[in-house]
PDB file of N, CA and C in Angstrom:
ATOM      1  N   MET A   1       5.016  42.903   3.152  1.00  0.00           N
ATOM      2  CA  MET A   1       4.427  41.586   3.178  1.00  0.00           C
ATOM      3  C   MET A   1       4.787  40.841   1.902  1.00  0.00           C
ATOM      4  N   ALA A   2       5.073  39.552   2.021  1.00  0.00           N
ATOM      5  CA  ALA A   2       5.425  38.750   0.869  1.00  0.00           C
ATOM      6  C   ALA A   2       4.232  38.632  -0.076  1.00  0.00           C
ATOM      7  N   ASP A   3       4.547  38.397  -1.356  1.00  0.00           N
ATOM      8  CA  ASP A   3       3.478  38.190  -2.319  1.00  0.00           C
ATOM      9  C   ASP A   3       2.645  36.982  -1.920  1.00  0.00           C
ATOM     10  N   GLU A   4       1.352  37.111  -2.038  1.00  0.00           N
ATOM     11  CA  GLU A   4       0.468  35.995  -1.741  1.00  0.00           C
ATOM     12  C   GLU A   4       0.126  35.268  -3.027  1.00  0.00           C
ATOM     13  N   TYR A   5       0.121  33.960  -2.931  1.00  0.00           N
ATOM     14  CA  TYR A   5      -0.258  33.118  -4.049  1.00  0.00           C
ATOM     15  C   TYR A   5      -1.754  32.843  -3.982  1.00  0.00           C
ATOM     16  N   ARG A   6      -2.322  32.621  -5.133  1.00  0.00           N
ATOM     17  CA  ARG A   6      -3.727  32.252  -5.232  1.00  0.00           C
ATOM     18  C   ARG A   6      -3.831  30.750  -5.008  1.00  0.00           C
ATOM     19  N   ILE A   7      -4.855  30.295  -4.324  1.00  0.00           N
ATOM     20  CA  ILE A   7      -5.051  28.869  -4.078  1.00  0.00           C
ATOM     21  C   ILE A   7      -6.281  28.398  -4.832  1.00  0.00           C
ATOM     22  N   ILE A   8      -6.107  27.312  -5.571  1.00  0.00           N
ATOM     23  CA  ILE A   8      -7.209  26.685  -6.289  1.00  0.00           C
ATOM     24  C   ILE A   8      -7.319  25.246  -5.809  1.00  0.00           C
ATOM     25  N   LEU A   9      -8.501  24.844  -5.365  1.00  0.00           N
ATOM     26  CA  LEU A   9      -8.763  23.451  -5.004  1.00  0.00           C
ATOM     27  C   LEU A   9      -9.389  22.753  -6.202  1.00  0.00           C
ATOM     28  N   GLN A  10      -8.706  21.751  -6.696  1.00  0.00           N
ATOM     29  CA  GLN A  10      -9.216  20.974  -7.825  1.00  0.00           C
ATOM     30  C   GLN A  10     -10.382  20.097  -7.358  1.00  0.00           C
ATOM     31  N   PRO A  11     -11.246  19.673  -8.284  1.00  0.00           N
ATOM     32  CA  PRO A  11     -12.394  18.835  -7.900  1.00  0.00           C
ATOM     33  C   PRO A  11     -11.998  17.591  -7.105  1.00  0.00           C
ATOM     34  N   GLU A  12     -10.889  16.958  -7.451  1.00  0.00           N
ATOM     35  CA  GLU A  12     -10.441  15.765  -6.730  1.00  0.00           C
ATOM     36  C   GLU A  12     -10.091  16.096  -5.285  1.00  0.00           C
ATOM     37  N   ALA A  13      -9.579  17.304  -5.039  1.00  0.00           N
ATOM     38  CA  ALA A  13      -9.262  17.724  -3.677  1.00  0.00           C
ATOM     39  C   ALA A  13     -10.547  17.913  -2.872  1.00  0.00           C
ATOM     40  N   TYR A  14     -11.547  18.536  -3.481  1.00  0.00           N
ATOM     41  CA  TYR A  14     -12.840  18.693  -2.801  1.00  0.00           C
ATOM     42  C   TYR A  14     -13.444  17.327  -2.460  1.00  0.00           C
ATOM     43  N   GLU A  15     -13.356  16.404  -3.412  1.00  0.00           N
ATOM     44  CA  GLU A  15     -13.909  15.068  -3.185  1.00  0.00           C
ATOM     45  C   GLU A  15     -13.186  14.364  -2.034  1.00  0.00           C
ATOM     46  N   GLY A  16     -11.860  14.471  -2.003  1.00  0.00           N
ATOM     47  CA  GLY A  16     -11.098  13.858  -0.918  1.00  0.00           C
ATOM     48  C   GLY A  16     -11.436  14.473   0.425  1.00  0.00           C
ATOM     49  N   MET A  17     -11.607  15.783   0.444  1.00  0.00           N
ATOM     50  CA  MET A  17     -11.969  16.469   1.685  1.00  0.00           C
ATOM     51  C   MET A  17     -13.360  16.033   2.142  1.00  0.00           C
ATOM     52  N   GLU A  18     -14.270  15.912   1.215  1.00  0.00           N
ATOM     53  CA  GLU A  18     -15.630  15.501   1.545  1.00  0.00           C
ATOM     54  C   GLU A  18     -15.655  14.066   2.099  1.00  0.00           C
ATOM     55  N   ARG A  19     -14.915  13.160   1.475  1.00  0.00           N
ATOM     56  CA  ARG A  19     -14.858  11.779   1.969  1.00  0.00           C
ATOM     57  C   ARG A  19     -14.277  11.723   3.377  1.00  0.00           C
ATOM     58  N   ALA A  20     -13.204  12.473   3.605  1.00  0.00           N
ATOM     59  CA  ALA A  20     -12.574  12.495   4.930  1.00  0.00           C
ATOM     60  C   ALA A  20     -13.532  13.071   5.965  1.00  0.00           C
ATOM     61  N   TYR A  21     -14.208  14.147   5.606  1.00  0.00           N
ATOM     62  CA  TYR A  21     -15.166  14.773   6.520  1.00  0.00           C
ATOM     63  C   TYR A  21     -16.265  13.781   6.903  1.00  0.00           C
ATOM     64  N   GLU A  22     -16.810  13.097   5.918  1.00  0.00           N
ATOM     65  CA  GLU A  22     -17.887  12.136   6.184  1.00  0.00           C
ATOM     66  C   GLU A  22     -17.399  11.002   7.086  1.00  0.00           C
ATOM     67  N   TYR A  23     -16.186  10.559   6.868  1.00  0.00           N
ATOM     68  CA  TYR A  23     -15.621   9.494   7.700  1.00  0.00           C
ATOM     69  C   TYR A  23     -15.486   9.965   9.153  1.00  0.00           C
ATOM     70  N   ILE A  24     -14.928  11.153   9.338  1.00  0.00           N
ATOM     71  CA  ILE A  24     -14.743  11.701  10.684  1.00  0.00           C
ATOM     72  C   ILE A  24     -16.088  11.988  11.334  1.00  0.00           C
ATOM     73  N   GLU A  25     -17.026  12.475  10.543  1.00  0.00           N
ATOM     74  CA  GLU A  25     -18.350  12.833  11.058  1.00  0.00           C
ATOM     75  C   GLU A  25     -19.089  11.621  11.627  1.00  0.00           C
ATOM     76  N   ARG A  26     -18.864  10.443  11.053  1.00  0.00           N
ATOM     77  CA  ARG A  26     -19.521   9.235  11.575  1.00  0.00           C
ATOM     78  C   ARG A  26     -19.093   8.949  13.013  1.00  0.00           C
ATOM     79  N   GLN A  27     -17.852   9.308  13.356  1.00  0.00           N
ATOM     80  CA  GLN A  27     -17.389   9.108  14.721  1.00  0.00           C
ATOM     81  C   GLN A  27     -17.775  10.284  15.627  1.00  0.00           C
ATOM     82  N   SER A  28     -17.661  11.505  15.098  1.00  0.00           N
ATOM     83  CA  SER A  28     -17.914  12.682  15.923  1.00  0.00           C
ATOM     84  C   SER A  28     -18.206  13.903  15.036  1.00  0.00           C
ATOM     85  N   PRO A  29     -19.466  14.315  14.945  1.00  0.00           N
ATOM     86  CA  PRO A  29     -19.808  15.482  14.132  1.00  0.00           C
ATOM     87  C   PRO A  29     -19.026  16.742  14.521  1.00  0.00           C
ATOM     88  N   GLU A  30     -18.850  16.968  15.819  1.00  0.00           N
ATOM     89  CA  GLU A  30     -18.113  18.170  16.255  1.00  0.00           C
ATOM     90  C   GLU A  30     -16.655  18.097  15.816  1.00  0.00           C
ATOM     91  N   SER A  31     -16.069  16.921  15.933  1.00  0.00           N
ATOM     92  CA  SER A  31     -14.679  16.753  15.497  1.00  0.00           C
ATOM     93  C   SER A  31     -14.544  16.998  14.000  1.00  0.00           C
ATOM     94  N   ALA A  32     -15.519  16.544  13.225  1.00  0.00           N
ATOM     95  CA  ALA A  32     -15.475  16.739  11.775  1.00  0.00           C
ATOM     96  C   ALA A  32     -15.496  18.223  11.430  1.00  0.00           C
ATOM     97  N   HIS A  33     -16.335  18.964  12.120  1.00  0.00           N
ATOM     98  CA  HIS A  33     -16.426  20.408  11.880  1.00  0.00           C
ATOM     99  C   HIS A  33     -15.088  21.091  12.199  1.00  0.00           C
ATOM    100  N   GLN A  34     -14.508  20.777  13.338  1.00  0.00           N
ATOM    101  CA  GLN A  34     -13.220  21.365  13.724  1.00  0.00           C
ATOM    102  C   GLN A  34     -12.106  20.941  12.763  1.00  0.00           C
ATOM    103  N   TRP A  35     -12.143  19.677  12.326  1.00  0.00           N
ATOM    104  CA  TRP A  35     -11.152  19.177  11.368  1.00  0.00           C
ATOM    105  C   TRP A  35     -11.207  19.987  10.080  1.00  0.00           C
ATOM    106  N   ALA A  36     -12.425  20.208   9.570  1.00  0.00           N
ATOM    107  CA  ALA A  36     -12.589  20.940   8.313  1.00  0.00           C
ATOM    108  C   ALA A  36     -12.093  22.381   8.432  1.00  0.00           C
ATOM    109  N   ILE A  37     -12.403  23.035   9.528  1.00  0.00           N
ATOM    110  CA  ILE A  37     -11.927  24.410   9.742  1.00  0.00           C
ATOM    111  C   ILE A  37     -10.404  24.432   9.798  1.00  0.00           C
ATOM    112  N   GLY A  38      -9.827  23.506  10.549  1.00  0.00           N
ATOM    113  CA  GLY A  38      -8.369  23.439  10.651  1.00  0.00           C
ATOM    114  C   GLY A  38      -7.705  23.138   9.328  1.00  0.00           C
ATOM    115  N   LEU A  39      -8.301  22.234   8.550  1.00  0.00           N
ATOM    116  CA  LEU A  39      -7.738  21.901   7.242  1.00  0.00           C
ATOM    117  C   LEU A  39      -7.730  23.124   6.337  1.00  0.00           C
ATOM    118  N   MET A  40      -8.834  23.848   6.280  1.00  0.00           N
ATOM    119  CA  MET A  40      -8.887  25.038   5.432  1.00  0.00           C
ATOM    120  C   MET A  40      -7.903  26.106   5.904  1.00  0.00           C
ATOM    121  N   ASP A  41      -7.732  26.244   7.219  1.00  0.00           N
ATOM    122  CA  ASP A  41      -6.726  27.183   7.744  1.00  0.00           C
ATOM    123  C   ASP A  41      -5.323  26.756   7.315  1.00  0.00           C
ATOM    124  N   ALA A  42      -5.043  25.451   7.378  1.00  0.00           N
ATOM    125  CA  ALA A  42      -3.725  24.942   6.978  1.00  0.00           C
ATOM    126  C   ALA A  42      -3.487  25.185   5.489  1.00  0.00           C
ATOM    127  N   ILE A  43      -4.500  24.921   4.665  1.00  0.00           N
ATOM    128  CA  ILE A  43      -4.373  25.164   3.223  1.00  0.00           C
ATOM    129  C   ILE A  43      -4.161  26.644   2.959  1.00  0.00           C
ATOM    130  N   ASP A  44      -4.817  27.491   3.721  1.00  0.00           N
ATOM    131  CA  ASP A  44      -4.670  28.940   3.554  1.00  0.00           C
ATOM    132  C   ASP A  44      -3.227  29.403   3.774  1.00  0.00           C
ATOM    133  N   THR A  45      -2.469  28.687   4.613  1.00  0.00           N
ATOM    134  CA  THR A  45      -1.068  29.073   4.844  1.00  0.00           C
ATOM    135  C   THR A  45      -0.220  28.895   3.589  1.00  0.00           C
ATOM    136  N   LEU A  46      -0.711  28.113   2.630  1.00  0.00           N
ATOM    137  CA  LEU A  46       0.047  27.910   1.395  1.00  0.00           C
ATOM    138  C   LEU A  46       0.113  29.179   0.553  1.00  0.00           C
ATOM    139  N   LYS A  47      -0.712  30.156   0.867  1.00  0.00           N
ATOM    140  CA  LYS A  47      -0.655  31.430   0.143  1.00  0.00           C
ATOM    141  C   LYS A  47       0.720  32.081   0.271  1.00  0.00           C
ATOM    142  N   THR A  48       1.342  31.913   1.427  1.00  0.00           N
ATOM    143  CA  THR A  48       2.636  32.566   1.648  1.00  0.00           C
ATOM    144  C   THR A  48       3.761  31.608   2.024  1.00  0.00           C
ATOM    145  N   PHE A  49       3.437  30.433   2.555  1.00  0.00           N
ATOM    146  CA  PHE A  49       4.482  29.538   3.051  1.00  0.00           C
ATOM    147  C   PHE A  49       4.495  28.187   2.337  1.00  0.00           C
ATOM    148  N   HIS A  50       4.194  28.168   1.056  1.00  0.00           N
ATOM    149  CA  HIS A  50       4.096  26.919   0.309  1.00  0.00           C
ATOM    150  C   HIS A  50       5.427  26.192   0.142  1.00  0.00           C
ATOM    151  N   THR A  51       6.522  26.920   0.046  1.00  0.00           N
ATOM    152  CA  THR A  51       7.819  26.268  -0.191  1.00  0.00           C
ATOM    153  C   THR A  51       8.381  25.589   1.053  1.00  0.00           C
ATOM    154  N   ARG A  52       7.745  25.755   2.208  1.00  0.00           N
ATOM    155  CA  ARG A  52       8.198  25.058   3.413  1.00  0.00           C
ATOM    156  C   ARG A  52       7.855  23.576   3.346  1.00  0.00           C
ATOM    157  N   CYS A  53       6.934  23.223   2.480  1.00  0.00           N
ATOM    158  CA  CYS A  53       6.464  21.847   2.371  1.00  0.00           C
ATOM    159  C   CYS A  53       7.417  21.027   1.503  1.00  0.00           C
ATOM    160  N   LEU A  54       7.665  19.821   1.950  1.00  0.00           N
ATOM    161  CA  LEU A  54       8.574  18.920   1.248  1.00  0.00           C
ATOM    162  C   LEU A  54       7.928  18.345   0.004  1.00  0.00           C
ATOM    163  N   LEU A  55       8.775  17.783  -0.855  1.00  0.00           N
ATOM    164  CA  LEU A  55       8.262  17.088  -2.021  1.00  0.00           C
ATOM    165  C   LEU A  55       7.494  15.853  -1.565  1.00  0.00           C
ATOM    166  N   ALA A  56       6.398  15.578  -2.245  1.00  0.00           N
ATOM    167  CA  ALA A  56       5.579  14.402  -1.943  1.00  0.00           C
ATOM    168  C   ALA A  56       6.225  13.171  -2.576  1.00  0.00           C
ATOM    169  N   PRO A  57       5.959  11.983  -2.041  1.00  0.00           N
ATOM    170  CA  PRO A  57       6.461  10.759  -2.676  1.00  0.00           C
ATOM    171  C   PRO A  57       6.021  10.663  -4.143  1.00  0.00           C
ATOM    172  N   GLU A  58       4.853  11.215  -4.469  1.00  0.00           N
ATOM    173  CA  GLU A  58       4.343  11.199  -5.845  1.00  0.00           C
ATOM    174  C   GLU A  58       5.224  11.973  -6.804  1.00  0.00           C
ATOM    175  N   ASN A  59       6.055  12.854  -6.299  1.00  0.00           N
ATOM    176  CA  ASN A  59       6.873  13.710  -7.143  1.00  0.00           C
ATOM    177  C   ASN A  59       7.707  12.911  -8.143  1.00  0.00           C
ATOM    178  N   GLU A  60       8.177  11.753  -7.751  1.00  0.00           N
ATOM    179  CA  GLU A  60       9.038  10.973  -8.647  1.00  0.00           C
ATOM    180  C   GLU A  60       8.276  10.375  -9.828  1.00  0.00           C
ATOM    181  N   PHE A  61       6.947  10.358  -9.782  1.00  0.00           N
ATOM    182  CA  PHE A  61       6.162   9.728 -10.836  1.00  0.00           C
ATOM    183  C   PHE A  61       5.553  10.708 -11.834  1.00  0.00           C
ATOM    184  N   PHE A  62       5.648  12.003 -11.565  1.00  0.00           N
ATOM    185  CA  PHE A  62       5.006  12.997 -12.419  1.00  0.00           C
ATOM    186  C   PHE A  62       6.016  14.061 -12.854  1.00  0.00           C
ATOM    187  N   ARG A  63       5.751  14.684 -13.983  1.00  0.00           N
ATOM    188  CA  ARG A  63       6.653  15.720 -14.510  1.00  0.00           C
ATOM    189  C   ARG A  63       6.656  16.976 -13.655  1.00  0.00           C
ATOM    190  N   GLN A  64       5.471  17.411 -13.252  1.00  0.00           N
ATOM    191  CA  GLN A  64       5.363  18.638 -12.470  1.00  0.00           C
ATOM    192  C   GLN A  64       5.708  18.347 -11.009  1.00  0.00           C
ATOM    193  N   GLU A  65       6.396  19.281 -10.381  1.00  0.00           N
ATOM    194  CA  GLU A  65       6.778  19.121  -8.980  1.00  0.00           C
ATOM    195  C   GLU A  65       5.526  19.045  -8.105  1.00  0.00           C
ATOM    196  N   ILE A  66       5.466  18.018  -7.254  1.00  0.00           N
ATOM    197  CA  ILE A  66       4.333  17.836  -6.351  1.00  0.00           C
ATOM    198  C   ILE A  66       4.839  17.881  -4.917  1.00  0.00           C
ATOM    199  N   ARG A  67       4.264  18.760  -4.144  1.00  0.00           N
ATOM    200  CA  ARG A  67       4.614  18.908  -2.733  1.00  0.00           C
ATOM    201  C   ARG A  67       3.444  18.434  -1.874  1.00  0.00           C
ATOM    202  N   GLN A  68       3.725  18.259  -0.585  1.00  0.00           N
ATOM    203  CA  GLN A  68       2.658  17.847   0.317  1.00  0.00           C
ATOM    204  C   GLN A  68       2.697  18.651   1.614  1.00  0.00           C
ATOM    205  N   LEU A  69       1.516  18.988   2.065  1.00  0.00           N
ATOM    206  CA  LEU A  69       1.310  19.602   3.369  1.00  0.00           C
ATOM    207  C   LEU A  69       0.660  18.534   4.228  1.00  0.00           C
ATOM    208  N   LEU A  70       1.266  18.226   5.369  1.00  0.00           N
ATOM    209  CA  LEU A  70       0.690  17.241   6.273  1.00  0.00           C
ATOM    210  C   LEU A  70      -0.208  17.949   7.278  1.00  0.00           C
ATOM    211  N   TYR A  71      -1.403  17.394   7.450  1.00  0.00           N
ATOM    212  CA  TYR A  71      -2.366  17.979   8.378  1.00  0.00           C
ATOM    213  C   TYR A  71      -2.929  16.877   9.267  1.00  0.00           C
ATOM    214  N   GLY A  72      -2.884  17.079  10.569  1.00  0.00           N
ATOM    215  CA  GLY A  72      -3.405  16.112  11.518  1.00  0.00           C
ATOM    216  C   GLY A  72      -2.282  15.524  12.351  1.00  0.00           C
ATOM    217  N   LYS A  73      -2.654  14.543  13.166  1.00  0.00           N
ATOM    218  CA  LYS A  73      -1.684  13.928  14.073  1.00  0.00           C
ATOM    219  C   LYS A  73      -1.841  12.418  14.066  1.00  0.00           C
ATOM    220  N   GLY A  74      -0.746  11.745  14.352  1.00  0.00           N
ATOM    221  CA  GLY A  74      -0.766  10.298  14.515  1.00  0.00           C
ATOM    222  C   GLY A  74      -1.361   9.580  13.320  1.00  0.00           C
ATOM    223  N   ARG A  75      -2.324   8.724  13.608  1.00  0.00           N
ATOM    224  CA  ARG A  75      -2.961   7.933  12.553  1.00  0.00           C
ATOM    225  C   ARG A  75      -3.985   8.733  11.760  1.00  0.00           C
ATOM    226  N   SER A  76      -4.214   9.968  12.157  1.00  0.00           N
ATOM    227  CA  SER A  76      -5.199  10.814  11.485  1.00  0.00           C
ATOM    228  C   SER A  76      -4.552  11.888  10.621  1.00  0.00           C
ATOM    229  N   VAL A  77      -3.385  11.597  10.081  1.00  0.00           N
ATOM    230  CA  VAL A  77      -2.700  12.564   9.218  1.00  0.00           C
ATOM    231  C   VAL A  77      -3.279  12.490   7.814  1.00  0.00           C
ATOM    232  N   TYR A  78      -3.521  13.658   7.257  1.00  0.00           N
ATOM    233  CA  TYR A  78      -3.956  13.774   5.872  1.00  0.00           C
ATOM    234  C   TYR A  78      -2.884  14.499   5.084  1.00  0.00           C
ATOM    235  N   ARG A  79      -2.735  14.104   3.828  1.00  0.00           N
ATOM    236  CA  ARG A  79      -1.749  14.726   2.946  1.00  0.00           C
ATOM    237  C   ARG A  79      -2.472  15.618   1.942  1.00  0.00           C
ATOM    238  N   VAL A  80      -2.069  16.874   1.900  1.00  0.00           N
ATOM    239  CA  VAL A  80      -2.599  17.826   0.938  1.00  0.00           C
ATOM    240  C   VAL A  80      -1.548  17.908  -0.171  1.00  0.00           C
ATOM    241  N   LEU A  81      -1.855  17.325  -1.321  1.00  0.00           N
ATOM    242  CA  LEU A  81      -0.917  17.307  -2.443  1.00  0.00           C
ATOM    243  C   LEU A  81      -1.174  18.521  -3.325  1.00  0.00           C
ATOM    244  N   PHE A  82      -0.095  19.238  -3.668  1.00  0.00           N
ATOM    245  CA  PHE A  82      -0.274  20.456  -4.445  1.00  0.00           C
ATOM    246  C   PHE A  82       0.915  20.724  -5.355  1.00  0.00           C
ATOM    247  N   THR A  83       0.669  21.563  -6.350  1.00  0.00           N
ATOM    248  CA  THR A  83       1.716  22.042  -7.246  1.00  0.00           C
ATOM    249  C   THR A  83       1.747  23.564  -7.151  1.00  0.00           C
ATOM    250  N   ILE A  84       2.861  24.112  -7.573  1.00  0.00           N
ATOM    251  CA  ILE A  84       3.022  25.571  -7.606  1.00  0.00           C
ATOM    252  C   ILE A  84       3.377  25.948  -9.041  1.00  0.00           C
ATOM    253  N   GLN A  85       2.585  26.833  -9.611  1.00  0.00           N
ATOM    254  CA  GLN A  85       2.880  27.311 -10.963  1.00  0.00           C
ATOM    255  C   GLN A  85       2.602  28.799 -11.011  1.00  0.00           C
ATOM    256  N   ASP A  86       3.627  29.542 -11.392  1.00  0.00           N
ATOM    257  CA  ASP A  86       3.541  30.999 -11.424  1.00  0.00           C
ATOM    258  C   ASP A  86       3.095  31.506 -10.046  1.00  0.00           C
ATOM    259  N   ASP A  87       1.940  32.169  -9.962  1.00  0.00           N
ATOM    260  CA  ASP A  87       1.480  32.711  -8.682  1.00  0.00           C
ATOM    261  C   ASP A  87       0.307  31.919  -8.114  1.00  0.00           C
ATOM    262  N   THR A  88       0.226  30.632  -8.477  1.00  0.00           N
ATOM    263  CA  THR A  88      -0.911  29.810  -8.076  1.00  0.00           C
ATOM    264  C   THR A  88      -0.462  28.518  -7.409  1.00  0.00           C
ATOM    265  N   VAL A  89      -1.096  28.207  -6.288  1.00  0.00           N
ATOM    266  CA  VAL A  89      -0.947  26.910  -5.628  1.00  0.00           C
ATOM    267  C   VAL A  89      -2.202  26.131  -5.983  1.00  0.00           C
ATOM    268  N   SER A  90      -2.011  25.004  -6.663  1.00  0.00           N
ATOM    269  CA  SER A  90      -3.135  24.181  -7.072  1.00  0.00           C
ATOM    270  C   SER A  90      -3.170  22.930  -6.206  1.00  0.00           C
ATOM    271  N   VAL A  91      -4.214  22.814  -5.374  1.00  0.00           N
ATOM    272  CA  VAL A  91      -4.375  21.652  -4.503  1.00  0.00           C
ATOM    273  C   VAL A  91      -5.011  20.545  -5.339  1.00  0.00           C
ATOM    274  N   LEU A  92      -4.264  19.459  -5.509  1.00  0.00           N
ATOM    275  CA  LEU A  92      -4.682  18.376  -6.386  1.00  0.00           C
ATOM    276  C   LEU A  92      -5.509  17.317  -5.674  1.00  0.00           C
ATOM    277  N   HIS A  93      -5.055  16.923  -4.494  1.00  0.00           N
ATOM    278  CA  HIS A  93      -5.707  15.840  -3.751  1.00  0.00           C
ATOM    279  C   HIS A  93      -5.581  16.093  -2.256  1.00  0.00           C
ATOM    280  N   ILE A  94      -6.537  15.596  -1.523  1.00  0.00           N
ATOM    281  CA  ILE A  94      -6.460  15.519  -0.062  1.00  0.00           C
ATOM    282  C   ILE A  94      -6.701  14.058   0.273  1.00  0.00           C
ATOM    283  N   ARG A  95      -5.667  13.422   0.847  1.00  0.00           N
ATOM    284  CA  ARG A  95      -5.686  11.976   1.034  1.00  0.00           C
ATOM    285  C   ARG A  95      -5.254  11.604   2.438  1.00  0.00           C
ATOM    286  N   SER A  96      -5.809  10.529   2.930  1.00  0.00           N
ATOM    287  CA  SER A  96      -5.358   9.993   4.210  1.00  0.00           C
ATOM    288  C   SER A  96      -3.908   9.559   4.071  1.00  0.00           C
ATOM    289  N   GLY A  97      -3.135   9.755   5.125  1.00  0.00           N
ATOM    290  CA  GLY A  97      -1.747   9.313   5.120  1.00  0.00           C
ATOM    291  C   GLY A  97      -1.624   7.814   4.966  1.00  0.00           C
ATOM    292  N   ALA A  98      -2.695   7.075   5.248  1.00  0.00           N
ATOM    293  CA  ALA A  98      -2.679   5.612   5.138  1.00  0.00           C
ATOM    294  C   ALA A  98      -2.883   5.124   3.702  1.00  0.00           C
ATOM    295  N   GLN A  99      -3.331   6.005   2.817  1.00  0.00           N
ATOM    296  CA  GLN A  99      -3.561   5.613   1.438  1.00  0.00           C
ATOM    297  C   GLN A  99      -2.249   5.470   0.681  1.00  0.00           C
ATOM    298  N   GLU A 100      -2.263   4.605  -0.319  1.00  0.00           N
ATOM    299  CA  GLU A 100      -1.080   4.386  -1.131  1.00  0.00           C
ATOM    300  C   GLU A 100      -0.722   5.657  -1.900  1.00  0.00           C
ATOM    301  N   VAL A 101       0.540   5.731  -2.290  1.00  0.00           N
ATOM    302  CA  VAL A 101       1.048   6.843  -3.088  1.00  0.00           C
ATOM    303  C   VAL A 101       0.367   6.806  -4.451  1.00  0.00           C
ATOM    304  N   LEU A 102      -0.016   7.970  -4.950  1.00  0.00           N
ATOM    305  CA  LEU A 102      -0.622   8.058  -6.284  1.00  0.00           C
ATOM    306  C   LEU A 102       0.441   7.833  -7.345  1.00  0.00           C
ATOM    307  N   LYS A 103       0.092   7.077  -8.367  1.00  0.00           N
ATOM    308  CA  LYS A 103       0.986   6.841  -9.509  1.00  0.00           C
ATOM    309  C   LYS A 103       0.181   7.055 -10.778  1.00  0.00           C
ATOM    310  N   PRO A 104       0.874   7.382 -11.864  1.00  0.00           N
ATOM    311  CA  PRO A 104       0.144   7.555 -13.127  1.00  0.00           C
ATOM    312  C   PRO A 104      -0.556   6.263 -13.527  1.00  0.00           C
ATOM    313  N   GLU A 105      -1.708   6.415 -14.155  1.00  0.00           N
ATOM    314  CA  GLU A 105      -2.404   5.236 -14.631  1.00  0.00           C
ATOM    315  C   GLU A 105      -1.686   4.728 -15.866  1.00  0.00           C
ATOM    316  N   PRO A 106      -1.571   3.396 -16.002  1.00  0.00           N
ATOM    317  CA  PRO A 106      -0.845   2.837 -17.165  1.00  0.00           C
ATOM    318  C   PRO A 106      -1.539   3.098 -18.468  1.00  0.00           C
TER     319      PRO A 106
END
């Protein structure tokens, strides 16, 4: 079995997940629950298959390589932004695909 990487969700990622969950929950509580389970399952795949994910648009604005995992379908796609360092995948943000690309603050 391939080496597994450790996954760390940064506070901003938790906040993004919570905001998305609350938004989905307003339309359908059951859908929100299933969305959250699916999102965590998708993030869990980064333990072994993190390099399958393409570079995020944010990559050009930051020194550290930033990749993205897309989760969802159609207009409900969320971007899981993460970095890989040593044996750790650090999830930085969870954002709606409709949100603007993150850029460094001036």
